[in-house]
Amino acid sequence: MIKINNRSRLKIKATFLSLEMGYRFLISLFFLLAGCNHYKYIDVPPRHTGLSGSDFYKQAAAMNWATRDSFAVKEILAGNVPGFLREFKPINVSVTDSTTGKKINATYYVAPDYLSIGTNDDWARINISPKAAQKIADDFDCFLPTKKMVDDIYNAATVKLEPVPMYAFRDSTPTMWQHHLIIEGQRKGSSGLIAGIKKDIVISGKITRDARPDRVAIYGWHQLDSKPIQPLYTGHIFWWVDYSQGIRLVYRNIKVDGKWMDYADVLKDSLLKRLLCDEEFCDFYRYSY
């Protein structure tokens, strides 16, 4: 029979206590990491089509903008989106209340790349009108970014590429396909949140204050010095779509100091709107269709 003296008992007790504390620490760490804002998985329907990105452009090559829009919307709403595009990345922003000095932190989630069709093995970025983009955004519980958000996304991006302008047949479907291939040649397989490759279709108070009807607002295409090629612009009618314009989806719920809020409610708040918008007027929330 092995005898254990009091000193040994204390050592054994201390060892078990240390193991218990370590176990509790690991459990706490697990739940902490599980709650971290690493990404947000967007509930896109399973793919019910075999159409690849390259096939989309082959079929759409001779389509006009309206037919191409309808074709793209049909495919995307049927779940024809590459898997990597379903994991939205967090963007962290903050604003300080000038009255109280309190800092308010927020996180919103954005698509890692521009709207695309196909599989992870054969996919392609697409160019569509703001009305088509809004339809897709509504179905996926998303919205389109503001000018400020485009800047913040660029600053947070892990893959930043030099813009490549094209000058001939800018609104043709083959040019859109060629531009996608050029970007892929630049990207060289790099993964992560990408920016600097497209102008963004954005929401902006300038749209409702433009005397001309049916405007689209575009902004961005940042160069490597972080300066955008395209200032905020509402000169195009909504159906003008060219190779340079992309759609970045944003999950519509924003986490503000740990509380989920709809983006429209954030934009309606006189203080919180500065988390998402740096324009004088931030009261345009969506495109009609």
C-alpha atoms as a PDB file:
ATOM      1  CA  MET A   1       0.000   0.000   0.000  1.00  0.00           C
ATOM      2  CA  ILE A   2       1.401   3.400  -1.020  1.00  0.00           C
ATOM      3  CA  LYS A   3       1.320   6.036   1.691  1.00  0.00           C
ATOM      4  CA  ILE A   4       0.889   9.664   0.676  1.00  0.00           C
ATOM      5  CA  ASN A   5       2.018  12.273   3.148  1.00  0.00           C
ATOM      6  CA  ASN A   6       0.396  15.665   3.606  1.00  0.00           C
ATOM      7  CA  ARG A   7       3.024  17.430   1.484  1.00  0.00           C
ATOM      8  CA  SER A   8       2.376  15.072  -1.453  1.00  0.00           C
ATOM      9  CA  ARG A   9      -1.369  15.523  -1.061  1.00  0.00           C
ATOM     10  CA  LEU A  10      -0.943  19.301  -1.329  1.00  0.00           C
ATOM     11  CA  LYS A  11       1.156  18.915  -4.477  1.00  0.00           C
ATOM     12  CA  ILE A  12      -1.453  16.611  -6.069  1.00  0.00           C
ATOM     13  CA  LYS A  13      -4.252  18.999  -5.122  1.00  0.00           C
ATOM     14  CA  ALA A  14      -2.324  21.938  -6.585  1.00  0.00           C
ATOM     15  CA  THR A  15      -1.726  19.988  -9.806  1.00  0.00           C
ATOM     16  CA  PHE A  16      -5.414  19.150 -10.199  1.00  0.00           C
ATOM     17  CA  LEU A  17      -6.349  22.764  -9.430  1.00  0.00           C
ATOM     18  CA  SER A  18      -3.908  23.970 -12.077  1.00  0.00           C
ATOM     19  CA  LEU A  19      -5.333  21.517 -14.620  1.00  0.00           C
ATOM     20  CA  GLU A  20      -8.875  22.622 -13.800  1.00  0.00           C
ATOM     21  CA  MET A  21      -7.964  26.285 -14.235  1.00  0.00           C
ATOM     22  CA  GLY A  22      -6.267  25.480 -17.538  1.00  0.00           C
ATOM     23  CA  TYR A  23      -9.325  23.600 -18.707  1.00  0.00           C
ATOM     24  CA  ARG A  24     -11.608  26.495 -17.779  1.00  0.00           C
ATOM     25  CA  PHE A  25      -9.285  28.899 -19.603  1.00  0.00           C
ATOM     26  CA  LEU A  26      -9.394  26.787 -22.767  1.00  0.00           C
ATOM     27  CA  ILE A  27     -13.179  26.579 -22.617  1.00  0.00           C
ATOM     28  CA  SER A  28     -13.436  30.352 -22.166  1.00  0.00           C
ATOM     29  CA  LEU A  29     -10.982  30.916 -25.009  1.00  0.00           C
ATOM     30  CA  PHE A  30     -13.006  28.633 -27.269  1.00  0.00           C
ATOM     31  CA  PHE A  31     -16.223  30.558 -26.681  1.00  0.00           C
ATOM     32  CA  LEU A  32     -14.406  33.865 -27.022  1.00  0.00           C
ATOM     33  CA  LEU A  33     -12.973  32.885 -30.394  1.00  0.00           C
ATOM     34  CA  ALA A  34     -16.296  31.427 -31.481  1.00  0.00           C
ATOM     35  CA  GLY A  35     -17.879  34.803 -30.872  1.00  0.00           C
ATOM     36  CA  CYS A  36     -15.210  36.798 -32.686  1.00  0.00           C
ATOM     37  CA  ASN A  37     -16.089  38.572 -35.903  1.00  0.00           C
ATOM     38  CA  HIS A  38     -13.999  36.464 -38.262  1.00  0.00           C
ATOM     39  CA  TYR A  39     -16.643  36.254 -40.983  1.00  0.00           C
ATOM     40  CA  LYS A  40     -20.384  36.150 -41.590  1.00  0.00           C
ATOM     41  CA  TYR A  41     -21.783  33.303 -43.654  1.00  0.00           C
ATOM     42  CA  ILE A  42     -24.491  34.623 -45.974  1.00  0.00           C
ATOM     43  CA  ASP A  43     -27.465  32.354 -46.604  1.00  0.00           C
ATOM     44  CA  VAL A  44     -27.350  31.984 -50.376  1.00  0.00           C
ATOM     45  CA  PRO A  45     -29.447  29.149 -51.864  1.00  0.00           C
ATOM     46  CA  PRO A  46     -27.565  25.978 -52.898  1.00  0.00           C
ATOM     47  CA  ARG A  47     -26.541  25.992 -56.549  1.00  0.00           C
ATOM     48  CA  HIS A  48     -29.305  24.590 -58.767  1.00  0.00           C
ATOM     49  CA  THR A  49     -27.510  25.213 -62.039  1.00  0.00           C
ATOM     50  CA  GLY A  50     -24.413  23.898 -63.734  1.00  0.00           C
ATOM     51  CA  LEU A  51     -23.603  27.159 -65.504  1.00  0.00           C
ATOM     52  CA  SER A  52     -19.983  28.207 -64.949  1.00  0.00           C
ATOM     53  CA  GLY A  53     -18.568  31.716 -65.074  1.00  0.00           C
ATOM     54  CA  SER A  54     -17.069  31.219 -68.515  1.00  0.00           C
ATOM     55  CA  ASP A  55     -20.331  29.665 -69.761  1.00  0.00           C
ATOM     56  CA  PHE A  56     -22.247  32.706 -68.522  1.00  0.00           C
ATOM     57  CA  TYR A  57     -20.148  35.008 -70.687  1.00  0.00           C
ATOM     58  CA  LYS A  58     -20.414  32.732 -73.702  1.00  0.00           C
ATOM     59  CA  GLN A  59     -24.204  32.792 -73.494  1.00  0.00           C
ATOM     60  CA  ALA A  60     -24.424  36.497 -72.634  1.00  0.00           C
ATOM     61  CA  ALA A  61     -21.980  37.676 -75.313  1.00  0.00           C
ATOM     62  CA  ALA A  62     -24.630  38.992 -77.718  1.00  0.00           C
ATOM     63  CA  MET A  63     -27.212  40.091 -75.129  1.00  0.00           C
ATOM     64  CA  ASN A  64     -28.240  43.702 -74.547  1.00  0.00           C
ATOM     65  CA  TRP A  65     -27.944  45.121 -71.030  1.00  0.00           C
ATOM     66  CA  ALA A  66     -31.525  44.314 -69.991  1.00  0.00           C
ATOM     67  CA  THR A  67     -31.384  40.679 -71.117  1.00  0.00           C
ATOM     68  CA  ARG A  68     -27.965  40.247 -69.532  1.00  0.00           C
ATOM     69  CA  ASP A  69     -29.290  41.732 -66.269  1.00  0.00           C
ATOM     70  CA  SER A  70     -32.216  39.306 -66.185  1.00  0.00           C
ATOM     71  CA  PHE A  71     -29.954  36.383 -67.004  1.00  0.00           C
ATOM     72  CA  ALA A  72     -27.544  37.301 -64.196  1.00  0.00           C
ATOM     73  CA  VAL A  73     -30.296  37.827 -61.614  1.00  0.00           C
ATOM     74  CA  LYS A  74     -31.894  34.479 -62.487  1.00  0.00           C
ATOM     75  CA  GLU A  75     -28.598  32.629 -62.076  1.00  0.00           C
ATOM     76  CA  ILE A  76     -27.589  34.300 -58.823  1.00  0.00           C
ATOM     77  CA  LEU A  77     -30.979  33.907 -57.160  1.00  0.00           C
ATOM     78  CA  ALA A  78     -30.742  30.218 -58.096  1.00  0.00           C
ATOM     79  CA  GLY A  79     -27.584  30.034 -55.969  1.00  0.00           C
ATOM     80  CA  ASN A  80     -25.066  30.247 -58.803  1.00  0.00           C
ATOM     81  CA  VAL A  81     -22.464  32.023 -56.690  1.00  0.00           C
ATOM     82  CA  PRO A  82     -18.956  30.694 -55.936  1.00  0.00           C
ATOM     83  CA  GLY A  83     -18.585  29.325 -52.426  1.00  0.00           C
ATOM     84  CA  PHE A  84     -15.870  31.749 -51.342  1.00  0.00           C
ATOM     85  CA  LEU A  85     -18.201  34.695 -52.016  1.00  0.00           C
ATOM     86  CA  ARG A  86     -20.631  33.493 -49.327  1.00  0.00           C
ATOM     87  CA  GLU A  87     -18.225  34.200 -46.441  1.00  0.00           C
ATOM     88  CA  PHE A  88     -18.430  37.930 -45.777  1.00  0.00           C
ATOM     89  CA  LYS A  89     -15.484  39.681 -44.137  1.00  0.00           C
ATOM     90  CA  PRO A  90     -15.735  42.056 -41.139  1.00  0.00           C
ATOM     91  CA  ILE A  91     -14.998  45.770 -41.436  1.00  0.00           C
ATOM     92  CA  ASN A  92     -14.503  47.546 -38.110  1.00  0.00           C
ATOM     93  CA  VAL A  93     -15.344  51.243 -37.813  1.00  0.00           C
ATOM     94  CA  SER A  94     -15.919  53.724 -35.012  1.00  0.00           C
ATOM     95  CA  VAL A  95     -17.252  57.197 -34.293  1.00  0.00           C
ATOM     96  CA  THR A  96     -16.846  59.449 -31.257  1.00  0.00           C
ATOM     97  CA  ASP A  97     -19.775  61.341 -29.771  1.00  0.00           C
ATOM     98  CA  SER A  98     -18.537  64.943 -29.636  1.00  0.00           C
ATOM     99  CA  THR A  99     -20.933  65.694 -26.765  1.00  0.00           C
ATOM    100  CA  THR A 100     -20.044  62.863 -24.387  1.00  0.00           C
ATOM    101  CA  GLY A 101     -16.650  61.820 -25.746  1.00  0.00           C
ATOM    102  CA  LYS A 102     -17.858  58.229 -25.932  1.00  0.00           C
ATOM    103  CA  LYS A 103     -16.401  56.067 -28.682  1.00  0.00           C
ATOM    104  CA  ILE A 104     -18.897  53.863 -30.497  1.00  0.00           C
ATOM    105  CA  ASN A 105     -17.566  50.773 -32.266  1.00  0.00           C
ATOM    106  CA  ALA A 106     -19.295  48.921 -35.070  1.00  0.00           C
ATOM    107  CA  THR A 107     -18.715  45.987 -37.395  1.00  0.00           C
ATOM    108  CA  TYR A 108     -20.311  45.310 -40.755  1.00  0.00           C
ATOM    109  CA  TYR A 109     -19.721  42.425 -43.126  1.00  0.00           C
ATOM    110  CA  VAL A 110     -18.867  42.657 -46.813  1.00  0.00           C
ATOM    111  CA  ALA A 111     -18.422  40.251 -49.702  1.00  0.00           C
ATOM    112  CA  PRO A 112     -14.710  39.436 -50.160  1.00  0.00           C
ATOM    113  CA  ASP A 113     -14.970  40.206 -53.884  1.00  0.00           C
ATOM    114  CA  TYR A 114     -17.393  41.691 -56.370  1.00  0.00           C
ATOM    115  CA  LEU A 115     -20.572  39.884 -57.362  1.00  0.00           C
ATOM    116  CA  SER A 116     -19.741  36.818 -59.435  1.00  0.00           C
ATOM    117  CA  ILE A 117     -21.311  33.802 -61.083  1.00  0.00           C
ATOM    118  CA  GLY A 118     -20.035  30.223 -61.182  1.00  0.00           C
ATOM    119  CA  THR A 119     -18.137  27.771 -58.988  1.00  0.00           C
ATOM    120  CA  ASN A 120     -14.886  28.114 -57.087  1.00  0.00           C
ATOM    121  CA  ASP A 121     -13.168  26.431 -60.042  1.00  0.00           C
ATOM    122  CA  ASP A 122     -14.817  28.435 -62.823  1.00  0.00           C
ATOM    123  CA  TRP A 123     -16.294  31.781 -61.830  1.00  0.00           C
ATOM    124  CA  ALA A 124     -16.435  35.307 -63.216  1.00  0.00           C
ATOM    125  CA  ARG A 125     -17.208  38.789 -61.930  1.00  0.00           C
ATOM    126  CA  ILE A 126     -20.282  40.293 -63.547  1.00  0.00           C
ATOM    127  CA  ASN A 127     -21.443  43.829 -64.290  1.00  0.00           C
ATOM    128  CA  ILE A 128     -25.107  44.659 -63.776  1.00  0.00           C
ATOM    129  CA  SER A 129     -27.365  47.675 -63.268  1.00  0.00           C
ATOM    130  CA  PRO A 130     -28.159  49.053 -59.790  1.00  0.00           C
ATOM    131  CA  LYS A 131     -31.754  47.855 -60.072  1.00  0.00           C
ATOM    132  CA  ALA A 132     -30.619  44.279 -60.708  1.00  0.00           C
ATOM    133  CA  ALA A 133     -28.063  44.601 -57.927  1.00  0.00           C
ATOM    134  CA  GLN A 134     -30.729  45.859 -55.519  1.00  0.00           C
ATOM    135  CA  LYS A 135     -32.986  42.903 -56.307  1.00  0.00           C
ATOM    136  CA  ILE A 136     -30.161  40.507 -55.464  1.00  0.00           C
ATOM    137  CA  ALA A 137     -29.224  42.473 -52.350  1.00  0.00           C
ATOM    138  CA  ASP A 138     -32.817  42.386 -51.093  1.00  0.00           C
ATOM    139  CA  ASP A 139     -33.051  38.625 -51.575  1.00  0.00           C
ATOM    140  CA  PHE A 140     -29.784  38.031 -49.701  1.00  0.00           C
ATOM    141  CA  ASP A 141     -30.506  40.470 -46.822  1.00  0.00           C
ATOM    142  CA  CYS A 142     -27.827  42.828 -48.063  1.00  0.00           C
ATOM    143  CA  PHE A 143     -27.400  46.422 -49.215  1.00  0.00           C
ATOM    144  CA  LEU A 144     -25.021  48.402 -51.403  1.00  0.00           C
ATOM    145  CA  PRO A 145     -22.189  50.385 -49.810  1.00  0.00           C
ATOM    146  CA  THR A 146     -21.764  54.119 -49.395  1.00  0.00           C
ATOM    147  CA  LYS A 147     -18.774  56.144 -50.550  1.00  0.00           C
ATOM    148  CA  LYS A 148     -17.256  56.037 -47.042  1.00  0.00           C
ATOM    149  CA  MET A 149     -17.721  52.296 -46.847  1.00  0.00           C
ATOM    150  CA  VAL A 150     -15.881  51.829 -50.151  1.00  0.00           C
ATOM    151  CA  ASP A 151     -12.949  53.760 -48.665  1.00  0.00           C
ATOM    152  CA  ASP A 152     -13.035  51.725 -45.450  1.00  0.00           C
ATOM    153  CA  ILE A 153     -13.209  48.453 -47.376  1.00  0.00           C
ATOM    154  CA  TYR A 154     -10.206  49.463 -49.458  1.00  0.00           C
ATOM    155  CA  ASN A 155      -8.222  50.330 -46.328  1.00  0.00           C
ATOM    156  CA  ALA A 156      -9.081  46.952 -44.780  1.00  0.00           C
ATOM    157  CA  ALA A 157      -8.386  44.901 -47.934  1.00  0.00           C
ATOM    158  CA  THR A 158      -5.594  42.343 -47.839  1.00  0.00           C
ATOM    159  CA  VAL A 159      -5.343  42.153 -51.640  1.00  0.00           C
ATOM    160  CA  LYS A 160      -4.960  45.518 -53.390  1.00  0.00           C
ATOM    161  CA  LEU A 161      -4.414  45.586 -57.141  1.00  0.00           C
ATOM    162  CA  GLU A 162      -3.583  48.377 -59.570  1.00  0.00           C
ATOM    163  CA  PRO A 163      -6.651  49.471 -61.601  1.00  0.00           C
ATOM    164  CA  VAL A 164      -6.549  48.524 -65.280  1.00  0.00           C
ATOM    165  CA  PRO A 165      -8.652  50.895 -67.431  1.00  0.00           C
ATOM    166  CA  MET A 166      -9.943  49.760 -70.825  1.00  0.00           C
ATOM    167  CA  TYR A 167     -10.994  52.222 -73.505  1.00  0.00           C
ATOM    168  CA  ALA A 168     -12.763  50.416 -76.351  1.00  0.00           C
ATOM    169  CA  PHE A 169     -16.286  48.921 -76.268  1.00  0.00           C
ATOM    170  CA  ARG A 170     -16.501  49.661 -72.554  1.00  0.00           C
ATOM    171  CA  ASP A 171     -20.126  48.543 -72.188  1.00  0.00           C
ATOM    172  CA  SER A 172     -19.826  45.341 -74.219  1.00  0.00           C
ATOM    173  CA  THR A 173     -20.121  41.936 -72.583  1.00  0.00           C
ATOM    174  CA  PRO A 174     -16.858  40.606 -74.134  1.00  0.00           C
ATOM    175  CA  THR A 175     -14.984  43.576 -72.628  1.00  0.00           C
ATOM    176  CA  MET A 176     -16.426  42.725 -69.213  1.00  0.00           C
ATOM    177  CA  TRP A 177     -15.138  39.166 -69.575  1.00  0.00           C
ATOM    178  CA  GLN A 178     -11.715  40.356 -70.699  1.00  0.00           C
ATOM    179  CA  HIS A 179     -11.461  42.693 -67.723  1.00  0.00           C
ATOM    180  CA  HIS A 180     -12.237  39.831 -65.363  1.00  0.00           C
ATOM    181  CA  LEU A 181      -9.439  37.784 -66.939  1.00  0.00           C
ATOM    182  CA  ILE A 182      -7.001  40.703 -66.613  1.00  0.00           C
ATOM    183  CA  ILE A 183      -7.799  41.006 -62.898  1.00  0.00           C
ATOM    184  CA  GLU A 184      -7.286  37.280 -62.430  1.00  0.00           C
ATOM    185  CA  GLY A 185      -3.897  37.592 -64.123  1.00  0.00           C
ATOM    186  CA  GLN A 186      -2.991  40.303 -61.616  1.00  0.00           C
ATOM    187  CA  ARG A 187      -4.378  38.423 -58.629  1.00  0.00           C
ATOM    188  CA  LYS A 188      -2.246  35.331 -59.249  1.00  0.00           C
ATOM    189  CA  GLY A 189      -4.290  33.217 -56.864  1.00  0.00           C
ATOM    190  CA  SER A 190      -4.079  35.598 -53.886  1.00  0.00           C
ATOM    191  CA  SER A 191      -7.047  35.197 -51.559  1.00  0.00           C
ATOM    192  CA  GLY A 192      -8.730  37.477 -49.052  1.00  0.00           C
ATOM    193  CA  LEU A 193     -10.644  40.736 -49.135  1.00  0.00           C
ATOM    194  CA  ILE A 194      -9.820  42.308 -52.511  1.00  0.00           C
ATOM    195  CA  ALA A 195     -10.133  45.954 -53.598  1.00  0.00           C
ATOM    196  CA  GLY A 196      -8.882  48.386 -56.211  1.00  0.00           C
ATOM    197  CA  ILE A 197     -10.239  46.397 -59.140  1.00  0.00           C
ATOM    198  CA  LYS A 198     -13.627  48.079 -59.791  1.00  0.00           C
ATOM    199  CA  LYS A 199     -15.638  51.220 -59.289  1.00  0.00           C
ATOM    200  CA  ASP A 200     -18.484  50.545 -56.868  1.00  0.00           C
ATOM    201  CA  ILE A 201     -22.151  51.180 -57.454  1.00  0.00           C
ATOM    202  CA  VAL A 202     -23.049  52.976 -54.224  1.00  0.00           C
ATOM    203  CA  ILE A 203     -25.995  54.500 -52.404  1.00  0.00           C
ATOM    204  CA  SER A 204     -25.745  58.269 -52.027  1.00  0.00           C
ATOM    205  CA  GLY A 205     -27.871  61.268 -51.092  1.00  0.00           C
ATOM    206  CA  LYS A 206     -26.711  62.835 -54.366  1.00  0.00           C
ATOM    207  CA  ILE A 207     -29.113  60.581 -56.274  1.00  0.00           C
ATOM    208  CA  THR A 208     -32.301  62.112 -54.879  1.00  0.00           C
ATOM    209  CA  ARG A 209     -30.847  65.619 -55.200  1.00  0.00           C
ATOM    210  CA  ASP A 210     -29.880  65.221 -58.849  1.00  0.00           C
ATOM    211  CA  ALA A 211     -32.428  66.997 -61.062  1.00  0.00           C
ATOM    212  CA  ARG A 212     -32.112  64.219 -63.618  1.00  0.00           C
ATOM    213  CA  PRO A 213     -34.190  61.085 -62.944  1.00  0.00           C
ATOM    214  CA  ASP A 214     -33.060  57.460 -62.679  1.00  0.00           C
ATOM    215  CA  ARG A 215     -29.454  58.119 -61.730  1.00  0.00           C
ATOM    216  CA  VAL A 216     -26.817  55.635 -60.591  1.00  0.00           C
ATOM    217  CA  ALA A 217     -24.054  56.669 -58.181  1.00  0.00           C
ATOM    218  CA  ILE A 218     -20.563  55.305 -58.726  1.00  0.00           C
ATOM    219  CA  TYR A 219     -17.367  55.785 -56.761  1.00  0.00           C
ATOM    220  CA  GLY A 220     -13.941  54.306 -56.167  1.00  0.00           C
ATOM    221  CA  TRP A 221     -11.457  52.221 -58.152  1.00  0.00           C
ATOM    222  CA  HIS A 222      -8.648  53.091 -55.765  1.00  0.00           C
ATOM    223  CA  GLN A 223      -5.087  53.273 -56.958  1.00  0.00           C
ATOM    224  CA  LEU A 224      -2.214  51.864 -54.904  1.00  0.00           C
ATOM    225  CA  ASP A 225      -1.742  55.287 -53.287  1.00  0.00           C
ATOM    226  CA  SER A 226      -5.305  54.897 -51.929  1.00  0.00           C
ATOM    227  CA  LYS A 227      -6.666  57.698 -54.148  1.00  0.00           C
ATOM    228  CA  PRO A 228      -9.812  56.761 -56.122  1.00  0.00           C
ATOM    229  CA  ILE A 229      -9.886  57.235 -59.889  1.00  0.00           C
ATOM    230  CA  GLN A 230     -13.626  57.834 -59.765  1.00  0.00           C
ATOM    231  CA  PRO A 231     -15.024  60.605 -57.521  1.00  0.00           C
ATOM    232  CA  LEU A 232     -18.631  60.259 -56.400  1.00  0.00           C
ATOM    233  CA  TYR A 233     -20.593  60.642 -59.632  1.00  0.00           C
ATOM    234  CA  THR A 234     -24.273  60.545 -60.625  1.00  0.00           C
ATOM    235  CA  GLY A 235     -23.877  61.485 -64.294  1.00  0.00           C
ATOM    236  CA  HIS A 236     -24.962  58.125 -65.719  1.00  0.00           C
ATOM    237  CA  ILE A 237     -28.516  56.913 -66.146  1.00  0.00           C
ATOM    238  CA  PHE A 238     -29.232  53.690 -64.236  1.00  0.00           C
ATOM    239  CA  TRP A 239     -28.998  51.373 -67.238  1.00  0.00           C
ATOM    240  CA  TRP A 240     -25.469  52.439 -68.130  1.00  0.00           C
ATOM    241  CA  VAL A 241     -23.250  49.504 -67.173  1.00  0.00           C
ATOM    242  CA  ASP A 242     -19.647  49.071 -68.251  1.00  0.00           C
ATOM    243  CA  TYR A 243     -16.715  46.789 -67.467  1.00  0.00           C
ATOM    244  CA  SER A 244     -15.401  49.009 -64.646  1.00  0.00           C
ATOM    245  CA  GLN A 245     -18.483  48.921 -62.390  1.00  0.00           C
ATOM    246  CA  GLY A 246     -18.814  46.206 -59.778  1.00  0.00           C
ATOM    247  CA  ILE A 247     -21.291  45.198 -57.088  1.00  0.00           C
ATOM    248  CA  ARG A 248     -20.053  44.704 -53.540  1.00  0.00           C
ATOM    249  CA  LEU A 249     -22.760  43.264 -51.285  1.00  0.00           C
ATOM    250  CA  VAL A 250     -22.905  44.228 -47.601  1.00  0.00           C
ATOM    251  CA  TYR A 251     -24.874  42.300 -44.961  1.00  0.00           C
ATOM    252  CA  ARG A 252     -27.714  44.581 -43.917  1.00  0.00           C
ATOM    253  CA  ASN A 253     -27.350  44.120 -40.149  1.00  0.00           C
ATOM    254  CA  ILE A 254     -24.634  46.188 -38.475  1.00  0.00           C
ATOM    255  CA  LYS A 255     -23.253  45.305 -35.039  1.00  0.00           C
ATOM    256  CA  VAL A 256     -23.106  48.590 -33.100  1.00  0.00           C
ATOM    257  CA  ASP A 257     -21.516  48.276 -29.641  1.00  0.00           C
ATOM    258  CA  GLY A 258     -22.544  44.626 -29.611  1.00  0.00           C
ATOM    259  CA  LYS A 259     -26.135  45.263 -30.695  1.00  0.00           C
ATOM    260  CA  TRP A 260     -27.452  44.360 -34.156  1.00  0.00           C
ATOM    261  CA  MET A 261     -29.079  47.224 -36.078  1.00  0.00           C
ATOM    262  CA  ASP A 262     -30.498  47.448 -39.583  1.00  0.00           C
ATOM    263  CA  TYR A 263     -28.288  49.596 -41.799  1.00  0.00           C
ATOM    264  CA  ALA A 264     -31.183  51.952 -42.622  1.00  0.00           C
ATOM    265  CA  ASP A 265     -31.710  52.651 -38.919  1.00  0.00           C
ATOM    266  CA  VAL A 266     -28.003  53.364 -38.547  1.00  0.00           C
ATOM    267  CA  LEU A 267     -28.133  55.819 -41.459  1.00  0.00           C
ATOM    268  CA  LYS A 268     -31.195  57.539 -39.979  1.00  0.00           C
ATOM    269  CA  ASP A 269     -29.442  58.216 -36.667  1.00  0.00           C
ATOM    270  CA  SER A 270     -27.749  61.627 -36.542  1.00  0.00           C
ATOM    271  CA  LEU A 271     -24.646  60.233 -34.805  1.00  0.00           C
ATOM    272  CA  LEU A 272     -24.461  56.603 -35.891  1.00  0.00           C
ATOM    273  CA  LYS A 273     -24.789  57.429 -39.592  1.00  0.00           C
ATOM    274  CA  ARG A 274     -21.171  58.630 -39.471  1.00  0.00           C
ATOM    275  CA  LEU A 275     -20.147  55.002 -39.038  1.00  0.00           C
ATOM    276  CA  LEU A 276     -21.244  54.368 -42.612  1.00  0.00           C
ATOM    277  CA  CYS A 277     -21.529  57.706 -44.397  1.00  0.00           C
ATOM    278  CA  ASP A 278     -19.422  60.867 -44.666  1.00  0.00           C
ATOM    279  CA  GLU A 279     -21.665  62.806 -47.068  1.00  0.00           C
ATOM    280  CA  GLU A 280     -23.820  65.788 -46.147  1.00  0.00           C
ATOM    281  CA  PHE A 281     -26.960  63.774 -46.866  1.00  0.00           C
ATOM    282  CA  CYS A 282     -27.138  60.058 -46.014  1.00  0.00           C
ATOM    283  CA  ASP A 283     -30.830  59.483 -46.687  1.00  0.00           C
ATOM    284  CA  PHE A 284     -30.795  57.354 -49.849  1.00  0.00           C
ATOM    285  CA  TYR A 285     -31.030  53.732 -48.749  1.00  0.00           C
ATOM    286  CA  ARG A 286     -31.765  51.665 -51.828  1.00  0.00           C
ATOM    287  CA  TYR A 287     -32.493  51.673 -55.556  1.00  0.00           C
ATOM    288  CA  SER A 288     -36.057  51.022 -56.690  1.00  0.00           C
ATOM    289  CA  TYR A 289     -36.855  48.304 -59.229  1.00  0.00           C
END
